[in-house]
C-alpha cells in the first residue's frame, strides 16, 4: 500500500478553518481535536473543517490502525456518511476519486470514511477495526453526520470485512454493499443465525437491511450469502435485473406483514456478477442514488426500522434560511398538493421540533409529519435547533434564548407566506424538542392553539415568566421502553408536575386513576376533561416503543391538536366551542 503523507498543522491552520488538501495529504485529526472551536456560532450549519484527514484508531491489543475522513466543501449539518473499505494495495484517495465517490460527495455534501488494510493486507477477522470505525462515526465532536443514514461499502478483499460486519451488526447501518466476496467464509453466516439481535427473540439473521452483493463468479459460498440475505429481507421471489445488477430481489408490494408506517419493506437485495463495472463512476452513482440513499434506519424500537427516503427537495419542501440576531437559522416547509395548487386554502400549520442533535431536514423524513400533512391538508414546518460549542457533541438543542427569538419570526413567516389559518398553529417536539414545546406552552401560549410533546417533558412550573391564566390544550406522549419515563425517571417526574400544574389551571381535581382511559391497540390514553367536559389534557403511553418519534404516533398527535383553535382575542376553542378556566 502506498503511504500517505501526514502533515502537521501550521500556525495559520490553527488560526483559521482547515482547507481542502492535496490528494495525497491528510491532516492528522488529533490536531483538530485539540482546537476548542468546532462550531461557528454565526453559521452553525456548516463545518469548520474541510478536506482529507487521517484518524489514528487504537485496537484493544494496543496496535494502531488508520482511517481517513473526507469532508467536502459542500458538507452541511447532519448529512449521510459512507464508510468505504478500499482494496489492499490501492491508494485510498485515488481509489475514492476514480470510483466516483468523491464527485458524488462534493455534489451532494455527504461525508466519507476510507477504511484501509493493515500492513499485511485485509485479514480474515477485521471485526475490531471495522467496529471501531463505526464507533468513530457515531462519536466525533467536530463532525455531526446523520446516524440514521450510515452506510458501508467494501471493494475487493475489503468486501469480506464489510460482509462480516453486516452479518453481525446490520442493525447499525441503513445499507451495505460488498463487492468482491468470492472467497467469503460462509461459516460466519452461522454466527448471524445463532446470535440474538438487540431485540429479544430476533436473530441477527432476521434483521433486514439493503444489501448489494458483488462477485467475479457465483461460487457456492457466494450463493449461500445471497440466500442468507434473501431470507433476512423476505425477498424470496423471482428477481428483476437492470444494467448494473444481474439479480434484484424486492419484497412483493402486494403483501403486508406489519405496520408499514413504522417498518417499511424496503430492504432489497441486489447481485452483480463480474466486478469490472463496479469500479466505475456510473456504477457508484447507481449504488448511491438509487440504492443506498433510498433507505434510512429510523429510531422506532429495539431494532430501528427501515423506511424509504426521498430528499426534501424531491418532496417539494421549501428551504428557508434567515439571520436572527446574527445567527443563521433554517427551516423546511411542506405544503400539501391541494394547498399548493390553490384547491384548498387557509389550513392549519404544525411546527415540529426535532430531537437533540437532529435537524429539520432529517427529521422531516423521520417523524411521519410530511405524510400526515399531505393526507390531512396541513402545512408542516421543520426548523433546525441551536448548535453551539456548548451543545453535547456540538449537536443541536432547543429552548435557548436564541430559539425563543426564532419562534415568533418562524410563525410570522409561515402565516405571511403561506395559506395558513393563524388560529390553528400547533407545536410538537421530540426529546430535546419538547424543551422548546414546553417553553412555548409556558411563555407564548397565546401564539399557539395546542401543543403535544413526545419522549421528553420539561417541568413548566420551573420556567420563569410562566403564564398561568391562558388556556393551552396539552398532550404528552411517551414509550413504555423509554427509561426516562420509568421508575421515577426525570421525564416522568416533570410530566407529573406539568400535568398537575395544568390540572390546577383548569380546576381538574380527579386523579389519574379516575380519568377516562382507554386502550387502542398498543396505545393507552388518559384524558383529563375540564368542567365543560372538554379534553384539555391528554397523556398517552405506547407499548414497546423506545425513545423515538414514530409516524403512527404522529397521527395520534394530530388527532389531538386538530381539535383546537385560538381566536384573535386569545380565546381557546375546542371543536369551535370556547374553553373557559374555572
Protein backbone atom coordinates (compact mmCIF):
# COMPACT_ATOMS: atom_id res chain seq x y z
CA UNK A 1 0.00 0.00 0.00
CA UNK A 2 1.20 3.47 -0.76
CA UNK A 3 1.99 5.58 2.27
CA UNK A 4 0.05 8.81 2.70
CA UNK A 5 1.80 11.92 3.95
CA UNK A 6 0.54 13.25 7.28
CA UNK A 7 1.39 16.93 7.60
CA UNK A 8 1.30 18.79 10.88
CA UNK A 9 -1.00 21.76 11.19
CA UNK A 10 0.77 25.07 10.74
CA UNK A 11 0.10 28.12 12.87
CA UNK A 12 -2.06 29.51 10.09
CA UNK A 13 -4.26 26.40 10.15
CA UNK A 14 -4.59 26.73 13.89
CA UNK A 15 -5.88 30.26 13.42
CA UNK A 16 -8.39 29.52 10.65
CA UNK A 17 -10.68 26.74 9.41
CA UNK A 18 -8.87 23.92 7.64
CA UNK A 19 -8.98 23.97 3.84
CA UNK A 20 -9.05 21.18 1.28
CA UNK A 21 -5.68 19.47 0.99
CA UNK A 22 -3.74 17.87 -1.82
CA UNK A 23 -4.95 14.43 -2.85
CA UNK A 24 -2.05 12.60 -1.21
CA UNK A 25 -2.01 14.56 2.06
CA UNK A 26 -4.07 14.01 5.17
CA UNK A 27 -4.07 16.31 8.17
CA UNK A 28 -3.97 14.39 11.48
CA UNK A 29 -7.40 14.70 13.06
CA UNK A 30 -5.85 14.72 16.54
CA UNK A 31 -4.61 18.21 15.77
CA UNK A 32 -8.17 19.32 15.06
CA UNK A 33 -9.43 17.69 18.25
CA UNK A 34 -7.09 19.95 20.19
CA UNK A 35 -8.96 23.03 18.97
CA UNK A 36 -11.82 24.29 21.11
CA UNK A 37 -13.95 25.78 18.34
CA UNK A 38 -15.90 23.21 16.28
CA UNK A 39 -19.00 25.32 15.53
CA UNK A 40 -19.10 28.83 14.10
CA UNK A 41 -21.98 30.44 16.09
CA UNK A 42 -22.82 32.77 13.20
CA UNK A 43 -23.01 29.92 10.68
CA UNK A 44 -23.70 26.79 12.73
CA UNK A 45 -24.96 24.59 9.89
CA UNK A 46 -21.61 24.04 8.23
CA UNK A 47 -18.24 22.59 9.26
CA UNK A 48 -15.14 24.39 10.45
CA UNK A 49 -13.00 21.83 8.61
CA UNK A 50 -12.98 20.57 5.04
CA UNK A 51 -10.74 18.21 3.15
CA UNK A 52 -8.91 15.00 3.96
CA UNK A 53 -7.80 13.96 7.43
CA UNK A 54 -6.08 10.94 8.95
CA UNK A 55 -7.53 9.36 12.08
CA UNK A 56 -5.48 7.07 14.30
CA UNK A 57 -7.53 4.30 15.93
CA UNK A 58 -6.16 2.14 18.73
CA UNK A 59 -7.10 -1.53 18.85
CA UNK A 60 -7.56 -3.50 22.07
CA UNK A 61 -4.08 -5.03 21.77
CA UNK A 62 -2.53 -1.57 21.58
CA UNK A 63 -1.79 -1.64 17.87
CA UNK A 64 -2.78 1.27 15.70
CA UNK A 65 -4.90 1.43 12.57
CA UNK A 66 -5.80 4.39 10.43
CA UNK A 67 -8.99 5.56 8.76
CA UNK A 68 -9.27 8.64 6.54
CA UNK A 69 -12.02 11.23 6.90
CA UNK A 70 -13.17 13.20 3.85
CA UNK A 71 -15.35 16.29 4.33
CA UNK A 72 -16.42 18.03 1.10
CA UNK A 73 -16.66 21.81 0.91
CA UNK A 74 -20.40 21.36 0.32
CA UNK A 75 -20.96 19.48 3.60
CA UNK A 76 -23.68 20.72 5.91
CA UNK A 77 -25.05 19.59 9.23
CA UNK A 78 -26.41 16.04 9.70
CA UNK A 79 -25.83 14.58 6.25
CA UNK A 80 -25.26 10.86 5.49
CA UNK A 81 -21.90 9.17 5.78
CA UNK A 82 -20.42 6.22 3.91
CA UNK A 83 -17.57 4.07 5.25
CA UNK A 84 -15.65 2.58 2.31
CA UNK A 85 -13.23 -0.36 2.60
CA UNK A 86 -10.55 0.21 -0.05
CA UNK A 87 -8.79 -2.82 -1.61
CA UNK A 88 -5.31 -3.51 -0.26
CA UNK A 89 -2.57 -2.01 -2.42
CA UNK A 90 -4.73 0.85 -3.69
CA UNK A 91 -4.06 4.49 -2.84
CA UNK A 92 -7.24 5.26 -0.86
CA UNK A 93 -7.82 8.75 -2.18
CA UNK A 94 -7.04 7.80 -5.77
CA UNK A 95 -9.49 4.88 -5.47
CA UNK A 96 -12.07 7.13 -3.84
CA UNK A 97 -11.75 9.61 -6.71
CA UNK A 98 -11.61 7.10 -9.58
CA UNK A 99 -14.76 5.25 -8.47
CA UNK A 100 -16.76 8.47 -8.46
CA UNK A 101 -17.45 8.64 -4.73
CA UNK A 102 -15.60 11.94 -4.26
CA UNK A 103 -17.56 13.64 -7.05
CA UNK A 104 -20.88 12.50 -5.55
CA UNK A 105 -19.93 13.75 -2.10
CA UNK A 106 -18.70 17.07 -3.46
CA UNK A 107 -22.02 17.48 -5.26
CA UNK A 108 -24.39 16.35 -2.51
CA UNK A 109 -22.50 17.30 0.65
CA UNK A 110 -22.19 13.99 2.49
CA UNK A 111 -19.02 12.63 4.12
CA UNK A 112 -16.83 9.54 3.87
CA UNK A 113 -14.52 7.43 5.97
CA UNK A 114 -11.96 5.47 3.95
CA UNK A 115 -11.07 2.20 5.65
CA UNK A 116 -7.70 0.75 4.69
CA UNK A 117 -5.98 -2.60 5.19
CA UNK A 118 -3.20 -3.09 7.70
CA UNK A 119 0.43 -3.59 6.76
CA UNK A 120 -0.28 -7.24 5.92
CA UNK A 121 -3.45 -6.55 3.97
CA UNK A 122 -7.07 -7.26 4.89
CA UNK A 123 -7.19 -10.10 7.42
CA UNK A 124 -9.75 -12.86 7.93
CA UNK A 125 -11.06 -11.14 11.08
CA UNK A 126 -11.31 -7.36 10.85
CA UNK A 127 -14.20 -7.06 13.28
CA UNK A 128 -12.39 -4.88 15.80
CA UNK A 129 -11.16 -2.40 13.19
CA UNK A 130 -14.48 -2.16 11.37
CA UNK A 131 -16.45 -1.74 14.59
CA UNK A 132 -14.01 0.93 15.78
CA UNK A 133 -14.71 2.82 12.56
CA UNK A 134 -18.43 2.74 13.39
CA UNK A 135 -17.72 3.95 16.93
CA UNK A 136 -15.76 6.83 15.48
CA UNK A 137 -18.57 7.75 13.06
CA UNK A 138 -21.00 7.78 15.96
CA UNK A 139 -18.92 9.67 18.50
CA UNK A 140 -16.98 12.58 16.99
CA UNK A 141 -17.33 16.16 18.17
CA UNK A 142 -16.05 18.06 15.16
CA UNK A 143 -18.44 16.50 12.61
CA UNK A 144 -22.11 15.57 13.09
CA UNK A 145 -23.38 13.23 10.38
CA UNK A 146 -26.78 11.52 10.22
CA UNK A 147 -26.74 8.26 12.18
CA UNK A 148 -29.95 7.02 10.56
CA UNK A 149 -28.04 7.28 7.26
CA UNK A 150 -24.83 5.36 7.95
CA UNK A 151 -23.78 3.07 5.08
CA UNK A 152 -20.83 0.76 4.50
CA UNK A 153 -19.30 -0.36 1.19
CA UNK A 154 -16.42 -2.78 0.63
CA UNK A 155 -14.43 -3.47 -2.53
CA UNK A 156 -12.17 -6.38 -3.49
CA UNK A 157 -10.54 -8.00 -0.49
CA UNK A 158 -12.09 -5.30 1.71
CA UNK A 159 -15.56 -6.60 0.83
CA UNK A 160 -15.24 -9.60 3.15
CA UNK A 161 -14.70 -7.33 6.17
CA UNK A 162 -17.81 -5.36 5.28
CA UNK A 163 -19.88 -8.52 4.73
CA UNK A 164 -18.79 -9.95 8.08
CA UNK A 165 -19.79 -6.71 9.79
CA UNK A 166 -23.15 -6.74 8.02
CA UNK A 167 -23.87 -10.26 9.29
CA UNK A 168 -23.05 -9.37 12.90
CA UNK A 169 -24.06 -5.67 13.10
CA UNK A 170 -26.55 -4.95 10.34
CA UNK A 171 -28.87 -3.02 12.67
CA UNK A 172 -26.27 -0.24 12.93
CA UNK A 173 -26.45 0.66 9.24
CA UNK A 174 -29.10 1.61 6.70
CA UNK A 175 -27.44 -0.27 3.85
CA UNK A 176 -24.40 -2.26 2.71
CA UNK A 177 -22.56 -3.15 -0.46
CA UNK A 178 -19.89 -5.89 -0.51
CA UNK A 179 -18.36 -6.05 -3.98
CA UNK A 180 -15.87 -8.92 -4.10
CA UNK A 181 -16.94 -11.70 -1.70
CA UNK A 182 -15.97 -14.66 -3.91
CA UNK A 183 -13.88 -16.16 -1.09
CA UNK A 184 -16.09 -15.08 1.83
CA UNK A 185 -16.11 -17.55 4.73
CA UNK A 186 -19.74 -18.63 4.70
CA UNK A 187 -19.30 -20.14 8.18
CA UNK A 188 -19.66 -16.57 9.50
CA UNK A 189 -23.30 -16.74 8.45
CA UNK A 190 -23.90 -19.24 11.24
CA UNK A 191 -22.97 -16.54 13.73
CA UNK A 192 -25.81 -14.45 12.38
CA UNK A 193 -28.21 -17.37 12.63
CA UNK A 194 -27.32 -18.25 16.22
CA UNK A 195 -26.78 -14.82 17.86
CA UNK A 196 -29.66 -12.76 19.11
CA UNK A 197 -30.03 -9.18 17.90
CA UNK A 198 -30.81 -6.24 20.19
CA UNK A 199 -34.45 -7.37 20.07
CA UNK A 200 -35.21 -10.37 22.24
CA UNK A 201 -36.09 -13.44 20.21
CA UNK A 202 -34.92 -11.93 16.91
CA UNK A 203 -31.77 -13.46 15.46
CA UNK A 204 -29.23 -11.27 13.66
CA UNK A 205 -30.08 -13.24 10.52
CA UNK A 206 -33.63 -11.86 10.74
CA UNK A 207 -32.62 -8.19 10.79
CA UNK A 208 -33.47 -6.56 7.47
CA UNK A 209 -31.01 -4.30 5.66
CA UNK A 210 -30.47 -3.41 1.99
CA UNK A 211 -27.57 -5.48 0.61
CA UNK A 212 -25.73 -5.27 -2.72
CA UNK A 213 -23.52 -8.32 -3.32
CA UNK A 214 -20.81 -8.38 -5.99
CA UNK A 215 -18.77 -11.40 -7.15
CA UNK A 216 -16.49 -12.25 -10.04
CA UNK A 217 -18.19 -15.64 -10.30
CA UNK A 218 -21.14 -17.12 -8.45
CA UNK A 219 -19.37 -19.62 -6.20
CA UNK A 220 -21.14 -21.92 -3.76
CA UNK A 221 -20.14 -19.71 -0.82
CA UNK A 222 -21.35 -16.58 -2.62
CA UNK A 223 -24.66 -18.27 -3.44
CA UNK A 224 -25.05 -19.09 0.26
CA UNK A 225 -24.50 -15.42 1.13
CA UNK A 226 -27.14 -14.37 -1.39
CA UNK A 227 -29.60 -16.89 0.06
CA UNK A 228 -28.86 -15.64 3.59
CA UNK A 229 -29.81 -12.05 2.72
CA UNK A 230 -32.83 -13.05 0.68
CA UNK A 231 -34.15 -14.86 3.75
CA UNK A 232 -33.29 -11.96 6.08
CA UNK A 233 -35.16 -9.48 3.88
CA UNK A 234 -38.11 -11.71 2.96
CA UNK A 235 -37.42 -11.32 -0.76
CA UNK A 236 -37.51 -14.91 -1.98
CA UNK A 237 -39.32 -14.11 -5.22
CA UNK A 238 -38.38 -14.12 -8.89
CA UNK A 239 -35.67 -11.50 -9.44
CA UNK A 240 -35.60 -8.48 -11.69
CA UNK A 241 -32.45 -7.08 -13.30
CA UNK A 242 -31.02 -3.85 -14.69
CA UNK A 243 -27.82 -2.61 -16.32
CA UNK A 244 -25.94 -2.76 -13.01
CA UNK A 245 -27.35 -5.81 -11.20
CA UNK A 246 -27.94 -9.27 -12.64
CA UNK A 247 -30.48 -10.05 -9.92
CA UNK A 248 -32.69 -7.64 -7.95
CA UNK A 249 -34.87 -9.13 -5.22
CA UNK A 250 -37.69 -6.97 -3.86
CA UNK A 251 -40.42 -7.53 -1.30
CA UNK A 252 -43.75 -8.22 -3.05
CA UNK A 253 -45.61 -4.92 -2.95
CA UNK A 254 -48.99 -6.62 -2.65
CA UNK A 255 -48.05 -8.20 0.70
CA UNK A 256 -48.33 -6.53 4.10
CA UNK A 257 -46.71 -8.19 7.11
CA UNK A 258 -46.87 -5.38 9.67
CA UNK A 259 -47.43 -1.65 10.08
CA UNK A 260 -45.74 -0.03 7.09
CA UNK A 261 -45.79 3.34 8.85
CA UNK A 262 -43.12 2.00 11.20
CA UNK A 263 -41.19 -0.69 9.32
CA UNK A 264 -41.45 -0.44 5.58
CA UNK A 265 -40.35 -3.35 3.39
CA UNK A 266 -37.57 -1.58 1.55
CA UNK A 267 -34.67 -3.95 2.21
CA UNK A 268 -33.92 -5.28 -1.27
CA UNK A 269 -31.04 -7.50 -2.36
CA UNK A 270 -29.01 -6.83 -5.50
CA UNK A 271 -26.47 -9.21 -7.00
CA UNK A 272 -23.82 -8.32 -9.59
CA UNK A 273 -21.67 -10.96 -11.28
CA UNK A 274 -18.47 -9.50 -12.73
CA UNK A 275 -16.81 -6.65 -10.86
CA UNK A 276 -15.06 -4.56 -13.50
CA UNK A 277 -18.00 -2.18 -13.91
CA UNK A 278 -18.41 -1.85 -10.13
CA UNK A 279 -15.32 0.40 -10.09
CA UNK A 280 -16.82 2.99 -12.43
CA UNK A 281 -18.48 6.30 -11.52
CA UNK A 282 -21.63 5.14 -13.31
CA UNK A 283 -21.95 2.10 -11.05
CA UNK A 284 -21.25 4.20 -7.95
CA UNK A 285 -23.95 6.66 -8.99
CA UNK A 286 -26.47 3.82 -9.22
CA UNK A 287 -25.25 2.28 -5.96
CA UNK A 288 -25.66 5.53 -4.07
CA UNK A 289 -28.53 7.42 -5.70
CA UNK A 290 -30.83 4.51 -6.49
CA UNK A 291 -29.95 2.04 -3.74
CA UNK A 292 -28.20 3.07 -0.53
CA UNK A 293 -29.53 6.59 -0.03
CA UNK A 294 -33.13 5.48 -0.71
CA UNK A 295 -33.33 3.78 2.71
CA UNK A 296 -32.72 5.07 6.22
CA UNK A 297 -32.83 3.29 9.56
CA UNK A 298 -35.04 5.41 11.76
CA UNK A 299 -35.44 5.29 15.55
CA UNK A 300 -38.52 3.24 16.39
CA UNK A 301 -37.91 0.10 18.50
CA UNK A 302 -35.18 -2.23 19.77
CA UNK A 303 -34.14 -2.60 16.15
CA UNK A 304 -34.56 0.72 14.39
CA UNK A 305 -36.89 0.31 11.45
CA UNK A 306 -36.11 0.83 7.79
CA UNK A 307 -38.01 3.46 5.87
CA UNK A 308 -37.95 4.72 2.31
CA UNK A 309 -36.16 8.03 1.87
CA UNK A 310 -36.55 10.95 -0.51
CA UNK A 311 -34.77 14.26 -0.17
CA UNK A 312 -36.73 17.29 0.96
CA UNK A 313 -36.11 18.79 -2.46
CA UNK A 314 -37.64 15.72 -4.11
CA UNK A 315 -40.61 16.02 -1.76
CA UNK A 316 -41.08 19.62 -2.82
CA UNK A 317 -40.25 21.24 0.50
CA UNK A 318 -39.24 24.86 0.72
CA UNK A 319 -35.93 25.53 2.46
CA UNK A 320 -35.76 28.90 4.20
CA UNK A 321 -32.76 30.47 5.93
CA UNK A 322 -32.79 33.65 7.98
CA UNK A 323 -30.40 35.77 10.00
CA UNK A 324 -31.84 36.04 13.51
CA UNK A 325 -29.73 38.28 15.74
CA UNK A 326 -26.60 37.44 13.74
CA UNK A 327 -27.16 33.69 13.71
CA UNK A 328 -28.11 31.68 10.63
CA UNK A 329 -31.33 29.75 11.23
CA UNK A 330 -33.15 27.39 8.87
CA UNK A 331 -36.46 25.62 8.46
CA UNK A 332 -38.22 23.44 5.89
CA UNK A 333 -41.87 23.85 4.90
CA UNK A 334 -44.03 21.14 3.35
CA UNK A 335 -47.13 22.43 1.54
CA UNK A 336 -49.70 19.74 0.64
CA UNK A 337 -50.52 19.26 -3.03
CA UNK A 338 -54.05 20.64 -2.79
CA UNK A 339 -52.87 23.70 -0.87
CA UNK A 340 -50.00 24.39 -3.26
CA UNK A 341 -52.42 24.21 -6.21
CA UNK A 342 -54.85 26.60 -4.52
CA UNK A 343 -57.61 23.99 -4.37
CA UNK A 344 -57.62 24.16 -0.55
CA UNK A 345 -56.84 27.35 1.38
CA UNK A 346 -56.49 28.63 4.96
CA UNK A 347 -55.18 25.41 6.51
CA UNK A 348 -53.58 24.61 9.89
CA UNK A 349 -49.81 24.57 10.39
CA UNK A 350 -47.82 22.23 12.63
CA UNK A 351 -44.31 23.26 13.71
CA UNK A 352 -42.25 20.16 14.53
CA UNK A 353 -39.16 20.41 16.76
CA UNK A 354 -36.64 17.60 16.26
CA UNK A 355 -34.68 15.85 18.99
CA UNK A 356 -31.23 16.77 20.29
CA UNK A 357 -28.51 16.50 17.67
CA UNK A 358 -31.04 16.43 14.83
CA UNK A 359 -32.07 18.89 12.15
CA UNK A 360 -35.24 20.00 10.45
CA UNK A 361 -34.03 18.47 7.21
CA UNK A 362 -33.53 14.95 8.55
CA UNK A 363 -36.48 14.96 10.97
CA UNK A 364 -38.92 15.74 8.17
CA UNK A 365 -38.08 12.32 6.75
CA UNK A 366 -38.19 10.54 10.08
CA UNK A 367 -41.26 11.51 12.04
CA UNK A 368 -44.12 10.98 9.58
CA UNK A 369 -45.46 14.53 9.61
CA UNK A 370 -44.88 15.07 5.89
CA UNK A 371 -47.23 12.19 5.13
CA UNK A 372 -49.81 13.50 7.61
CA UNK A 373 -49.52 16.97 6.09
CA UNK A 374 -50.36 15.61 2.65
CA UNK A 375 -53.25 13.42 3.84
CA UNK A 376 -54.80 15.90 6.31
CA UNK A 377 -54.02 19.03 4.28
CA UNK A 378 -51.97 20.76 6.94
CA UNK A 379 -48.73 22.68 6.38
CA UNK A 380 -45.79 21.10 8.24
CA UNK A 381 -42.78 23.16 9.32
CA UNK A 382 -39.44 21.61 10.35
CA UNK A 383 -36.97 24.08 11.93
CA UNK A 384 -33.40 23.27 12.97
CA UNK A 385 -32.39 23.93 16.56
CA UNK A 386 -29.48 25.83 18.09
CA UNK A 387 -25.99 24.48 17.56
CA UNK A 388 -23.03 25.69 19.56
CA UNK A 389 -19.85 24.52 21.24
CA UNK A 390 -21.81 24.17 24.47
CA UNK A 391 -24.10 21.51 22.98
CA UNK A 392 -23.48 17.81 23.52
CA UNK A 393 -21.03 16.68 20.84
CA UNK A 394 -21.62 20.06 19.16
CA UNK A 395 -25.10 18.88 18.22
CA UNK A 396 -28.31 20.87 18.13
CA UNK A 397 -30.58 21.57 21.08
CA UNK A 398 -33.75 23.57 21.77
CA UNK A 399 -35.09 26.08 24.28
CA UNK A 400 -32.28 28.65 24.25
CA UNK A 401 -32.91 32.38 24.19
CA UNK A 402 -31.94 32.31 20.51
CA UNK A 403 -34.68 29.76 19.87
CA UNK A 404 -37.28 31.85 21.66
CA UNK A 405 -36.38 34.79 19.42
CA UNK A 406 -36.53 32.49 16.39
CA UNK A 407 -40.06 31.22 17.02
CA UNK A 408 -42.03 34.48 16.51
CA UNK A 409 -40.12 35.06 13.27
CA UNK A 410 -40.84 31.50 12.15
CA UNK A 411 -44.54 31.76 12.99
CA UNK A 412 -44.94 35.14 11.27
CA UNK A 413 -43.09 33.93 8.18
CA UNK A 414 -45.35 30.91 7.76
CA UNK A 415 -48.53 32.99 8.21
CA UNK A 416 -47.35 35.70 5.80
CA UNK A 417 -46.03 33.41 3.06
CA UNK A 418 -48.47 30.50 3.02
CA UNK A 419 -52.23 29.99 3.14
CA UNK A 420 -52.26 29.35 6.89
CA UNK A 421 -55.09 29.79 9.36
CA UNK A 422 -53.40 31.79 12.14
CA UNK A 423 -55.93 30.44 14.65
CA UNK A 424 -54.65 26.90 14.13
CA UNK A 425 -50.89 26.99 14.73
CA UNK A 426 -49.75 23.86 16.59
CA UNK A 427 -46.38 22.81 18.02
CA UNK A 428 -44.95 19.40 18.77
CA UNK A 429 -41.48 18.24 19.73
CA UNK A 430 -39.44 15.14 20.33
CA UNK A 431 -36.93 14.66 23.18
CA UNK A 432 -34.91 17.91 23.33
CA UNK A 433 -37.59 19.37 21.07
CA UNK A 434 -40.01 19.02 23.95
CA UNK A 435 -37.98 21.66 25.83
CA UNK A 436 -38.92 24.10 23.11
CA UNK A 437 -42.52 22.88 23.16
CA UNK A 438 -42.80 23.37 26.90
CA UNK A 439 -41.19 26.80 26.90
CA UNK A 440 -43.77 27.88 24.32
CA UNK A 441 -46.55 26.38 26.46
CA UNK A 442 -45.21 28.38 29.41
CA UNK A 443 -44.22 31.67 27.75
CA UNK A 444 -46.07 32.04 24.43
CA UNK A 445 -49.32 30.09 24.79
CA UNK A 446 -51.25 32.88 23.05
CA UNK A 447 -49.25 32.23 19.85
CA UNK A 448 -50.29 28.59 19.52
CA UNK A 449 -53.58 26.73 19.60
CA UNK A 450 -52.35 23.50 21.22
CA UNK A 451 -49.14 21.58 21.98
CA UNK A 452 -48.02 17.95 22.07
CA UNK A 453 -44.71 16.54 23.27
CA UNK A 454 -43.06 13.18 22.67
CA UNK A 455 -40.48 11.40 24.86
CA UNK A 456 -39.40 14.30 26.97
CA UNK A 457 -41.00 16.70 29.43
CA UNK A 458 -39.76 19.91 30.98
CA UNK A 459 -41.41 20.96 34.25
CA UNK A 460 -43.23 24.11 33.14
CA UNK A 461 -43.65 25.25 36.77
CA UNK A 462 -39.88 25.95 36.89
CA UNK A 463 -39.90 28.26 33.85
CA UNK A 464 -39.52 31.92 34.82
CA UNK A 465 -42.33 34.04 33.39
CA UNK A 466 -44.86 31.19 33.26
CA UNK A 467 -48.26 32.44 32.08
CA UNK A 468 -50.89 30.63 34.14
CA UNK A 469 -54.02 32.49 33.07
CA UNK A 470 -54.27 31.22 29.49
CA UNK A 471 -55.91 28.05 28.22
CA UNK A 472 -53.37 25.85 26.40
CA UNK A 473 -54.53 22.32 25.43
CA UNK A 474 -51.65 19.95 26.05
CA UNK A 475 -50.75 16.34 25.26
CA UNK A 476 -47.74 14.29 26.33
CA UNK A 477 -46.74 11.02 24.71
CA UNK A 478 -44.05 8.51 25.67
CA UNK A 479 -42.94 4.94 25.06
CA UNK A 480 -43.04 2.31 27.76
CA UNK A 481 -39.43 1.38 26.89
CA UNK A 482 -38.17 4.94 27.33
CA UNK A 483 -36.13 4.77 30.52
CA UNK A 484 -36.55 8.45 31.38
CA UNK A 485 -40.27 7.80 31.99
CA UNK A 486 -39.83 4.66 34.08
CA UNK A 487 -39.41 4.23 37.83
CA UNK A 488 -39.37 7.91 38.66
CA UNK A 489 -37.15 8.98 35.74
CA UNK A 490 -36.67 12.72 35.25
CA UNK A 491 -39.22 12.92 32.43
CA UNK A 492 -41.82 11.07 34.49
CA UNK A 493 -41.31 13.48 37.39
CA UNK A 494 -41.53 16.51 35.09
CA UNK A 495 -44.57 15.09 33.31
CA UNK A 496 -46.43 14.64 36.58
CA UNK A 497 -45.53 18.16 37.75
CA UNK A 498 -46.62 19.69 34.44
CA UNK A 499 -49.89 17.76 34.32
CA UNK A 500 -50.69 18.68 37.92
CA UNK A 501 -49.97 22.35 37.18
CA UNK A 502 -52.30 22.34 34.18
CA UNK A 503 -54.98 20.42 36.10
CA UNK A 504 -54.91 23.14 38.74
CA UNK A 505 -55.23 25.77 35.99
CA UNK A 506 -58.37 24.06 34.68
CA UNK A 507 -59.81 23.18 38.09
CA UNK A 508 -59.47 19.44 37.45
CA UNK A 509 -59.29 17.51 40.72
CA UNK A 510 -59.59 13.88 39.63
CA UNK A 511 -56.59 11.60 39.97
CA UNK A 512 -55.10 9.69 37.07
CA UNK A 513 -56.98 6.51 38.06
CA UNK A 514 -60.26 8.39 37.93
CA UNK A 515 -59.79 9.85 34.47
CA UNK A 516 -61.34 8.43 31.36
CA UNK A 517 -58.82 5.98 29.95
CA UNK A 518 -58.91 3.51 27.12
CA UNK A 519 -56.59 1.22 25.22
CA UNK A 520 -56.42 1.28 21.44
CA UNK A 521 -54.05 -1.37 20.13
CA UNK A 522 -50.62 -0.56 21.56
CA UNK A 523 -51.73 2.84 22.87
CA UNK A 524 -53.13 3.67 26.31
CA UNK A 525 -54.81 7.07 26.76
CA UNK A 526 -55.56 9.06 29.91
CA UNK A 527 -57.83 12.04 29.26
CA UNK A 528 -58.38 14.94 31.67
CA UNK A 529 -61.54 16.95 30.94
CA UNK A 530 -62.46 20.31 32.43
CA UNK A 531 -65.86 21.16 33.93
CA UNK A 532 -67.22 21.73 30.40
CA UNK A 533 -66.30 18.15 29.51
CA UNK A 534 -63.59 19.22 27.06
CA UNK A 535 -60.44 17.03 26.96
CA UNK A 536 -57.85 19.75 27.62
CA UNK A 537 -55.05 17.43 28.81
CA UNK A 538 -54.10 14.01 27.50
CA UNK A 539 -51.41 11.51 28.38
CA UNK A 540 -50.51 8.67 26.01
CA UNK A 541 -48.30 5.62 26.52
CA UNK A 542 -47.14 3.46 23.61
CA UNK A 543 -46.32 -0.19 24.23
CA UNK A 544 -42.93 -1.49 23.01
CA UNK A 545 -41.77 1.98 21.91
CA UNK A 546 -38.28 3.24 22.68
CA UNK A 547 -37.15 6.88 22.76
CA UNK A 548 -38.42 7.73 19.25
CA UNK A 549 -40.97 9.75 17.30
CA UNK A 550 -42.59 7.18 15.01
CA UNK A 551 -45.12 8.00 12.26
CA UNK A 552 -48.12 6.23 13.78
CA UNK A 553 -47.66 8.30 16.96
CA UNK A 554 -47.64 11.47 14.86
CA UNK A 555 -51.13 10.59 13.66
CA UNK A 556 -52.39 10.42 17.24
CA UNK A 557 -50.74 13.77 17.95
CA UNK A 558 -52.63 15.43 15.11
CA UNK A 559 -55.89 13.82 16.21
CA UNK A 560 -55.47 15.76 19.46
CA UNK A 561 -54.06 19.03 18.12
CA UNK A 562 -56.58 19.46 15.32
CA UNK A 563 -59.47 19.74 17.78
CA UNK A 564 -58.32 23.17 18.98
CA UNK A 565 -58.07 26.73 17.70
CA UNK A 566 -57.30 30.13 19.20
CA UNK A 567 -59.26 33.29 18.46
CA UNK A 568 -57.79 36.71 17.82
CA UNK A 569 -58.75 37.77 21.36
CA UNK A 570 -56.82 34.79 22.81
CA UNK A 571 -59.84 32.57 23.49
CA UNK A 572 -59.13 28.87 23.11
CA UNK A 573 -61.73 26.74 21.33
CA UNK A 574 -62.46 23.02 21.36
CA UNK A 575 -64.30 21.92 18.21
CA UNK A 576 -65.46 25.51 17.78
CA UNK A 577 -66.67 25.91 21.40
CA UNK A 578 -64.89 28.34 23.76
CA UNK A 579 -62.90 26.85 26.63
CA UNK A 580 -63.03 28.65 29.96
CA UNK A 581 -60.88 28.50 33.06
CA UNK A 582 -62.69 27.56 36.30
